[in-house]
Amino acid sequence: MRRCDRRRLIVCNTKLSEHAKRYATCRGGSGISGGTTPEERNLRTMIEETQSYPITIVAGVSRSVSTRLAAAGVVTAKQIAYGDATTIAHDADIPLKEVLLIAGRARAILEA
């Protein structure tokens, strides 16, 4: 019999299928989180508590810019809002002016 590994967290941003729930039970039971399940500790709740909103929540971020940011390791609004804009612009090969604009919009979301 194969031992289940209980150190993993399975996260899904949509509804969890019954198959996913069974798999997660084998992998530790409580280590599962979907878009809205479980009710007390779901993906949405975790994102809101930590303000780990994806960069795509910021208006005006094109797919190409979000792809460049992700390649540079910037995937959350918090990272661009409070990160070093010059470094982000260089690492993502995006004009500094655009990074500053996105950062300002991200801060407005996070501080609202």
Protein backbone atom coordinates (compact mmCIF):
# COMPACT_ATOMS: atom_id res chain seq x y z
CA MET A 1 0.00 0.00 0.00
CA ARG A 2 1.33 3.42 -0.95
CA ARG A 3 1.71 5.99 1.82
CA CYS A 4 -0.06 9.30 1.24
CA ASP A 5 2.07 12.41 1.39
CA ARG A 6 0.42 14.85 3.81
CA ARG A 7 2.62 17.89 3.14
CA ARG A 8 0.92 19.09 -0.02
CA LEU A 9 -1.76 21.69 -0.58
CA ILE A 10 -3.97 21.22 -3.60
CA VAL A 11 -5.39 24.52 -4.83
CA CYS A 12 -7.87 25.10 -7.62
CA ASN A 13 -9.40 28.42 -8.66
CA THR A 14 -12.64 26.79 -9.76
CA LYS A 15 -15.13 24.33 -8.33
CA LEU A 16 -13.49 21.13 -7.09
CA SER A 17 -14.58 17.91 -8.76
CA GLU A 18 -15.38 14.83 -6.70
CA HIS A 19 -12.23 13.23 -8.12
CA ALA A 20 -10.12 16.16 -6.89
CA LYS A 21 -11.69 15.90 -3.43
CA ARG A 22 -10.93 12.15 -3.23
CA TYR A 23 -7.34 12.76 -4.38
CA ALA A 24 -6.91 15.51 -1.79
CA THR A 25 -8.25 13.24 0.96
CA CYS A 26 -5.45 10.81 0.16
CA ARG A 27 -2.97 13.69 0.14
CA GLY A 28 -3.89 14.96 3.58
CA GLY A 29 -7.58 15.77 3.77
CA SER A 30 -7.35 19.37 4.90
CA GLY A 31 -4.83 20.24 2.22
CA ILE A 32 -7.38 21.25 -0.38
CA SER A 33 -8.72 24.62 -1.37
CA GLY A 34 -10.96 25.59 -4.24
CA GLY A 35 -12.37 28.88 -5.43
CA THR A 36 -15.10 28.85 -2.78
CA THR A 37 -14.56 25.58 -0.87
CA PRO A 38 -14.02 24.80 1.92
CA GLU A 39 -16.17 27.66 3.13
CA GLU A 40 -13.86 28.70 5.98
CA ARG A 41 -10.52 28.49 4.15
CA ASN A 42 -10.92 28.74 0.40
CA LEU A 43 -8.70 30.29 -2.25
CA ARG A 44 -10.66 33.54 -2.32
CA THR A 45 -10.39 33.93 1.48
CA MET A 46 -6.65 33.23 1.44
CA ILE A 47 -6.08 35.77 -1.35
CA GLU A 48 -8.11 38.44 0.42
CA GLU A 49 -6.47 37.86 3.82
CA THR A 50 -2.96 38.16 2.38
CA GLN A 51 -3.85 40.64 -0.37
CA SER A 52 -2.13 38.32 -2.84
CA TYR A 53 -4.24 39.45 -5.77
CA PRO A 54 -2.90 38.46 -9.18
CA ILE A 55 -1.37 41.21 -11.31
CA THR A 56 -4.27 40.73 -13.72
CA ILE A 57 -6.58 42.48 -11.23
CA VAL A 58 -4.91 45.77 -12.17
CA ALA A 59 -6.72 47.59 -14.99
CA GLY A 60 -4.78 48.18 -18.17
CA VAL A 61 -2.24 45.37 -17.83
CA SER A 62 -2.04 43.70 -21.23
CA ARG A 63 -1.40 40.01 -21.68
CA SER A 64 2.10 40.69 -23.01
CA VAL A 65 2.96 42.88 -20.01
CA SER A 66 1.57 40.35 -17.51
CA THR A 67 3.56 37.62 -19.29
CA ARG A 68 6.77 39.67 -19.03
CA LEU A 69 6.10 40.46 -15.39
CA ALA A 70 5.47 36.78 -14.61
CA ALA A 71 8.70 35.81 -16.38
CA ALA A 72 10.46 38.31 -14.11
CA GLY A 73 8.83 36.75 -11.03
CA VAL A 74 6.23 39.48 -10.48
CA VAL A 75 2.83 37.79 -10.26
CA THR A 76 0.92 39.71 -7.60
CA ALA A 77 -0.33 43.28 -7.41
CA LYS A 78 1.48 43.61 -4.08
CA GLN A 79 4.83 42.80 -5.70
CA ILE A 80 4.52 45.54 -8.29
CA ALA A 81 2.89 48.04 -5.91
CA TYR A 82 5.66 47.89 -3.33
CA GLY A 83 8.58 46.47 -5.30
CA ASP A 84 11.49 48.40 -6.76
CA ALA A 85 10.03 49.83 -9.98
CA THR A 86 13.41 50.27 -11.64
CA THR A 87 14.39 46.66 -11.01
CA ILE A 88 11.00 45.40 -12.16
CA ALA A 89 11.18 47.49 -15.34
CA HIS A 90 14.65 46.18 -16.10
CA ASP A 91 13.91 42.53 -15.28
CA ALA A 92 10.61 42.50 -17.21
CA ASP A 93 11.90 44.67 -20.07
CA ILE A 94 9.00 47.10 -19.63
CA PRO A 95 9.37 50.90 -19.71
CA LEU A 96 9.74 52.37 -16.21
CA LYS A 97 6.86 54.78 -16.90
CA GLU A 98 4.50 51.83 -17.51
CA VAL A 99 5.68 50.00 -14.37
CA LEU A 100 5.08 53.14 -12.29
CA LEU A 101 1.59 53.50 -13.75
CA ILE A 102 0.73 49.87 -12.99
CA ALA A 103 2.26 50.17 -9.51
CA GLY A 104 0.11 53.22 -8.74
CA ARG A 105 -3.04 51.41 -9.82
CA ALA A 106 -2.07 48.35 -7.77
CA ARG A 107 -1.49 50.47 -4.65
CA ALA A 108 -4.91 52.08 -5.11
CA ILE A 109 -6.50 48.61 -5.10
CA LEU A 110 -4.52 47.38 -2.10
CA GLU A 111 -5.06 50.50 -0.01
CA ALA A 112 -8.79 50.85 -0.75
